[in-house]
Amino acid sequence: MQLPPKVTDRAYARLCEIGAADQGQALRVAVEGGGCSGFQYEIRLDQPADDDVVLEKDGQRVVVDSVSMPFLAGATIDFTEELIGARFTIDNPNASSSCGCGTSFSI
């Protein structure tokens, strides 16, 4: 059995700040082919689908589709605020390398 991704309290707090649940939305984290390292993350607000893994806290939800789950097993989904901007980030132990942008990786 695969470990589901972990979502930090900071990520859930940011979803609350932007009112995701109030709009019936969840944070979708998916893995797609492409990017400069072979795979890339897609992070967006979306409606949950029937086959999604739903991670929830205080009414806020993060969803991962069944195809992306193996790539995100054991990963940590966080929200960071830096000088270059604020964004959701993924610390993925399955990635053997990643590019500087933080959205592309290889296994």
Protein backbone atom coordinates (compact mmCIF):
# COMPACT_ATOMS: atom_id res chain seq x y z
CA MET A 1 0.00 0.00 0.00
CA GLN A 2 1.30 3.43 -0.94
CA LEU A 3 1.64 6.22 1.57
CA PRO A 4 -0.65 9.09 0.61
CA PRO A 5 0.90 12.53 0.28
CA LYS A 6 1.04 14.63 3.43
CA VAL A 7 -0.45 18.13 3.36
CA THR A 8 0.98 20.70 5.75
CA ASP A 9 -1.12 22.93 7.99
CA ARG A 10 0.26 25.92 6.00
CA ALA A 11 -1.21 24.51 2.76
CA TYR A 12 -4.61 23.92 4.37
CA ALA A 13 -4.51 27.43 5.90
CA ARG A 14 -3.84 28.96 2.47
CA LEU A 15 -6.78 27.06 0.98
CA CYS A 16 -8.94 28.49 3.77
CA GLU A 17 -7.62 32.03 3.08
CA ILE A 18 -8.56 31.85 -0.60
CA GLY A 19 -11.97 30.36 0.19
CA ALA A 20 -11.51 27.17 -1.83
CA ALA A 21 -14.08 25.14 0.14
CA ASP A 22 -16.56 28.03 0.08
CA GLN A 23 -16.47 27.77 -3.72
CA GLY A 24 -16.84 23.97 -3.65
CA GLN A 25 -13.25 23.63 -4.86
CA ALA A 26 -10.29 21.51 -3.79
CA LEU A 27 -6.59 21.84 -4.55
CA ARG A 28 -5.82 19.33 -7.30
CA VAL A 29 -2.25 18.04 -7.38
CA ALA A 30 -1.48 15.94 -10.45
CA VAL A 31 1.56 14.63 -12.30
CA GLU A 32 1.75 14.88 -16.09
CA GLY A 33 4.37 13.98 -18.68
CA GLY A 34 6.39 16.96 -19.87
CA GLY A 35 8.46 19.72 -18.39
CA CYS A 36 12.22 19.98 -18.67
CA SER A 37 12.87 16.89 -16.50
CA GLY A 38 10.28 14.42 -17.83
CA PHE A 39 7.33 14.97 -15.47
CA GLN A 40 5.66 18.10 -14.20
CA TYR A 41 3.23 18.98 -11.45
CA GLU A 42 -0.14 20.49 -12.19
CA ILE A 43 -1.54 22.37 -9.21
CA ARG A 44 -4.91 24.08 -9.54
CA LEU A 45 -8.30 24.50 -7.93
CA ASP A 46 -10.76 21.93 -9.25
CA GLN A 47 -13.84 19.86 -8.45
CA PRO A 48 -13.09 16.47 -6.84
CA ALA A 49 -13.72 13.45 -9.10
CA ASP A 50 -15.09 10.06 -8.04
CA ASP A 51 -11.72 8.25 -8.27
CA ASP A 52 -9.68 10.94 -6.45
CA VAL A 53 -7.86 10.36 -3.19
CA VAL A 54 -9.20 13.14 -0.96
CA LEU A 55 -7.06 14.57 1.85
CA GLU A 56 -9.09 16.81 4.13
CA LYS A 57 -8.66 18.98 7.20
CA ASP A 58 -11.05 21.56 8.66
CA GLY A 59 -13.24 21.37 5.54
CA GLN A 60 -10.35 22.10 3.15
CA ARG A 61 -9.54 19.42 0.60
CA VAL A 62 -6.58 18.37 -1.52
CA VAL A 63 -7.27 15.80 -4.23
CA VAL A 64 -4.96 13.49 -6.18
CA ASP A 65 -6.12 11.37 -9.11
CA SER A 66 -5.42 7.63 -9.13
CA VAL A 67 -2.87 7.87 -11.97
CA SER A 68 -0.79 10.51 -10.12
CA MET A 69 -0.89 8.74 -6.74
CA PRO A 70 2.15 6.45 -7.32
CA PHE A 71 4.26 9.48 -8.28
CA LEU A 72 3.19 11.40 -5.16
CA ALA A 73 3.32 8.59 -2.59
CA GLY A 74 4.98 9.93 0.56
CA ALA A 75 5.33 13.47 -0.85
CA THR A 76 4.67 16.61 1.19
CA ILE A 77 2.43 19.33 -0.22
CA ASP A 78 3.18 22.72 1.34
CA PHE A 79 2.63 26.44 0.79
CA THR A 80 5.61 28.79 0.86
CA GLU A 81 5.97 32.55 0.76
CA GLU A 82 9.35 33.77 -0.48
CA LEU A 83 10.74 36.93 -2.01
CA ILE A 84 10.07 35.53 -5.48
CA GLY A 85 6.42 34.87 -4.64
CA ALA A 86 4.02 32.58 -2.85
CA ARG A 87 3.10 29.14 -4.17
CA PHE A 88 2.17 25.58 -3.34
CA THR A 89 5.24 23.32 -3.36
CA ILE A 90 5.85 19.58 -3.38
CA ASP A 91 8.70 17.81 -1.63
CA ASN A 92 8.71 14.48 -3.43
CA PRO A 93 10.95 11.62 -2.18
CA ASN A 94 10.25 9.73 -5.45
CA ALA A 95 11.95 12.37 -7.61
CA SER A 96 15.55 11.54 -8.43
CA SER A 97 16.15 15.05 -9.78
CA SER A 98 14.22 18.24 -10.35
CA CYS A 99 14.75 21.45 -12.24
CA GLY A 100 15.22 24.90 -10.76
CA CYS A 101 11.60 25.93 -11.31
CA GLY A 102 10.42 23.28 -8.82
CA THR A 103 7.56 22.10 -11.03
CA SER A 104 9.44 19.56 -13.15
CA PHE A 105 11.14 16.34 -12.00
CA SER A 106 12.37 12.91 -13.07
CA ILE A 107 12.14 9.51 -11.43
